[in-house]
Amino acid sequence: MKQTLTLLSPAKLNLFLHITGRRPDGYHELQTLFQLLDWGDLMTFSANDSGEIRVASPGMDIPLEDNLVYRAALLLQRGARGVAISVDKRVPCGAGLGGGSSNAATTLLALNHLWQLGRSQAELQALGASLGADVPVFVAGHSAWAEGIGEILEPVELPSRWYVIITPACHVSTGQIFSHLELTRNTS
């Protein structure tokens, strides 16, 4: 039986980012305020019994083993379940808006529903944290105060605001920024 589901995979803003320390594993401890947006990528999931996970995102040349959407689907796949996933990318890559993390979270939520897995939000957030520090906030689906590496979340109600997002024609790797040895609490 083929079922299809289309969902918004929202972008986010970090309204501020305060680095509070560095862990032995290289991750930074932080405090931030995540504001989820009513704008993002559109994702369509078509469940099937093929046993295959297919991801199509025109213009995106990410190897499957590095694709967070594919990796999220693999975390939930059991047996002959399959899915075709289409990503209409609207969130620019490398813009710091959480596009990949949001896509991974949306995949976890969609496949939990389509494949009738019955996983709790806490279980999906834990799986999401294994994919990236920002994934749990997107699984939660609301703005939040975050600590730790971004996985300790406290939901917050923020006033409705309009934001203008300007994305220059350059890609910035979050991992590359956070791996910089001089990135500390007092980096200017």
Protein backbone atom coordinates (compact mmCIF):
# COMPACT_ATOMS: atom_id res chain seq x y z
CA MET A 1 0.00 0.00 0.00
CA LYS A 2 1.43 3.34 -1.07
CA GLN A 3 0.95 6.33 1.23
CA THR A 4 2.18 9.85 0.58
CA LEU A 5 2.81 12.68 3.02
CA THR A 6 4.07 16.21 2.29
CA LEU A 7 5.50 18.28 5.15
CA LEU A 8 7.22 21.60 5.71
CA SER A 9 10.77 21.12 6.98
CA PRO A 10 11.22 24.46 8.75
CA ALA A 11 14.33 26.59 8.95
CA LYS A 12 15.52 28.07 12.24
CA LEU A 13 17.37 31.08 13.50
CA ASN A 14 19.70 31.17 16.46
CA LEU A 15 18.61 34.45 18.02
CA PHE A 16 21.94 34.40 19.85
CA LEU A 17 24.71 31.88 20.45
CA HIS A 18 26.83 31.84 23.60
CA ILE A 19 29.65 29.31 23.79
CA THR A 20 30.17 28.25 27.40
CA GLY A 21 32.93 25.67 27.01
CA ARG A 22 34.41 22.83 25.02
CA ARG A 23 33.94 19.13 25.74
CA PRO A 24 36.73 16.54 25.47
CA ASP A 25 35.03 15.08 22.35
CA GLY A 26 35.47 18.43 20.56
CA TYR A 27 31.84 19.56 20.77
CA HIS A 28 31.16 23.00 22.22
CA GLU A 29 28.85 23.55 25.18
CA LEU A 30 26.51 26.39 24.36
CA GLN A 31 23.43 28.38 25.17
CA THR A 32 21.17 29.51 22.37
CA LEU A 33 17.62 30.47 21.58
CA PHE A 34 16.21 28.57 18.60
CA GLN A 35 13.43 30.35 16.70
CA LEU A 36 11.68 27.98 14.28
CA LEU A 37 10.36 29.67 11.15
CA ASP A 38 7.20 29.18 9.11
CA TRP A 39 9.43 28.82 6.05
CA GLY A 40 11.66 26.02 4.86
CA ASP A 41 11.99 23.08 2.52
CA LEU A 42 9.04 21.01 1.32
CA MET A 43 9.48 17.26 1.71
CA THR A 44 7.32 14.55 0.16
CA PHE A 45 7.45 10.98 1.45
CA SER A 46 5.94 8.10 -0.54
CA ALA A 47 6.04 4.90 1.52
CA ASN A 48 6.20 1.61 -0.35
CA ASP A 49 7.19 -2.04 0.09
CA SER A 50 10.29 -1.94 -2.10
CA GLY A 51 12.79 -2.12 0.75
CA GLU A 52 14.65 0.79 -0.85
CA ILE A 53 15.21 4.30 0.43
CA ARG A 54 15.44 6.80 -2.39
CA VAL A 55 16.19 10.49 -1.90
CA ALA A 56 15.75 13.03 -4.68
CA SER A 57 16.74 16.64 -4.22
CA PRO A 58 17.44 18.42 -7.50
CA GLY A 59 20.64 20.43 -7.38
CA MET A 60 21.96 18.66 -4.28
CA ASP A 61 24.98 16.44 -4.90
CA ILE A 62 25.43 14.88 -1.46
CA PRO A 63 26.64 11.26 -1.35
CA LEU A 64 23.97 9.05 0.27
CA GLU A 65 26.21 8.09 3.18
CA ASP A 66 26.54 11.81 4.06
CA ASN A 67 22.89 12.70 3.42
CA LEU A 68 21.08 13.29 6.74
CA VAL A 69 17.70 12.47 5.17
CA TYR A 70 18.97 9.06 4.03
CA ARG A 71 20.73 8.39 7.35
CA ALA A 72 17.56 9.31 9.31
CA ALA A 73 15.48 6.94 7.17
CA LEU A 74 18.00 4.13 7.74
CA LEU A 75 17.67 4.58 11.52
CA LEU A 76 13.97 3.70 11.30
CA GLN A 77 13.87 1.23 8.41
CA ARG A 78 13.01 -2.38 9.21
CA GLY A 79 12.42 -5.22 6.77
CA ALA A 80 10.82 -4.55 3.42
CA ARG A 81 9.74 -1.01 4.13
CA GLY A 82 10.77 1.47 1.52
CA VAL A 83 10.27 5.12 0.78
CA ALA A 84 10.84 7.65 -1.96
CA ILE A 85 11.72 11.04 -0.49
CA SER A 86 11.66 14.24 -2.50
CA VAL A 87 13.18 17.42 -1.07
CA ASP A 88 12.25 20.77 -2.59
CA LYS A 89 15.21 22.76 -1.20
CA ARG A 90 14.40 26.34 -0.33
CA VAL A 91 16.78 26.72 2.62
CA PRO A 92 20.28 27.45 1.28
CA CYS A 93 22.96 24.94 2.25
CA GLY A 94 25.60 26.26 4.62
CA ALA A 95 23.48 29.24 5.66
CA GLY A 96 23.29 28.31 9.36
CA LEU A 97 19.51 27.91 9.13
CA GLY A 98 19.45 24.21 10.04
CA GLY A 99 18.22 22.91 6.68
CA GLY A 100 19.92 19.51 6.86
CA SER A 101 19.03 18.99 10.53
CA SER A 102 15.43 19.97 9.86
CA ASN A 103 15.26 17.58 6.89
CA ALA A 104 16.55 14.75 9.10
CA ALA A 105 13.99 15.52 11.82
CA THR A 106 11.15 15.77 9.30
CA THR A 107 12.21 12.39 7.91
CA LEU A 108 12.11 10.80 11.38
CA LEU A 109 8.65 12.26 12.06
CA ALA A 110 7.23 11.34 8.64
CA LEU A 111 8.50 7.77 8.61
CA ASN A 112 7.44 7.18 12.21
CA HIS A 113 3.93 8.07 11.02
CA LEU A 114 3.93 6.37 7.60
CA TRP A 115 5.55 3.17 8.81
CA GLN A 116 3.39 3.20 11.98
CA LEU A 117 6.39 2.68 14.26
CA GLY A 118 4.89 4.26 17.37
CA ARG A 119 8.17 5.87 18.46
CA SER A 120 7.77 8.59 21.10
CA GLN A 121 9.01 12.14 20.61
CA ALA A 122 11.78 11.46 23.16
CA GLU A 123 12.90 8.38 21.20
CA LEU A 124 12.93 10.33 17.94
CA GLN A 125 14.87 13.16 19.58
CA ALA A 126 17.48 10.68 20.85
CA LEU A 127 17.82 9.18 17.37
CA GLY A 128 18.01 12.68 15.94
CA ALA A 129 20.79 13.68 18.33
CA SER A 130 22.90 10.88 16.83
CA LEU A 131 22.59 12.67 13.47
CA GLY A 132 23.28 16.22 14.66
CA ALA A 133 22.95 18.55 17.63
CA ASP A 134 20.17 20.66 16.03
CA VAL A 135 17.95 17.71 15.02
CA PRO A 136 16.15 17.37 18.41
CA VAL A 137 14.72 20.91 18.30
CA PHE A 138 13.19 20.18 14.91
CA VAL A 139 11.71 16.91 16.19
CA ALA A 140 10.18 18.90 19.07
CA GLY A 141 8.69 21.28 16.51
CA HIS A 142 8.76 24.51 18.51
CA SER A 143 11.11 27.30 19.49
CA ALA A 144 13.31 26.51 22.47
CA TRP A 145 16.06 27.62 24.81
CA ALA A 146 18.93 25.15 24.29
CA GLU A 147 21.98 24.14 26.27
CA GLY A 148 24.54 21.33 26.19
CA ILE A 149 25.50 20.94 22.55
CA GLY A 150 21.98 22.04 21.64
CA GLU A 151 20.16 18.88 22.71
CA ILE A 152 18.94 20.05 26.14
CA LEU A 153 15.75 21.89 25.25
CA GLU A 154 13.28 24.02 27.15
CA PRO A 155 10.25 25.04 25.05
CA VAL A 156 9.60 28.78 24.87
CA GLU A 157 6.81 30.91 23.48
CA LEU A 158 8.28 33.76 21.48
CA PRO A 159 6.34 36.74 20.18
CA SER A 160 5.37 36.62 16.53
CA ARG A 161 7.97 38.52 14.50
CA TRP A 162 9.00 39.03 10.92
CA TYR A 163 12.61 38.31 9.97
CA VAL A 164 14.54 39.30 6.87
CA ILE A 165 17.04 36.61 5.95
CA ILE A 166 19.88 37.56 3.64
CA THR A 167 22.00 34.71 2.35
CA PRO A 168 25.21 35.66 0.55
CA ALA A 169 26.49 33.41 -2.22
CA CYS A 170 28.89 31.51 0.03
CA HIS A 171 28.69 28.23 1.92
CA VAL A 172 29.86 28.01 5.52
CA SER A 173 30.25 24.58 7.10
CA THR A 174 28.94 24.54 10.68
CA GLY A 175 31.30 21.67 11.48
CA GLN A 176 34.25 23.62 10.14
CA ILE A 177 33.37 26.69 12.21
CA PHE A 178 32.93 24.70 15.41
CA SER A 179 36.15 22.72 14.83
CA HIS A 180 38.22 25.92 14.85
CA LEU A 181 40.59 25.63 17.82
CA GLU A 182 40.34 29.32 18.67
CA LEU A 183 36.54 29.30 18.94
CA THR A 184 35.99 29.94 22.62
CA ARG A 185 33.66 31.80 24.89
CA ASN A 186 35.58 35.04 24.33
CA THR A 187 36.24 34.78 20.59
CA SER A 188 35.74 38.17 19.00
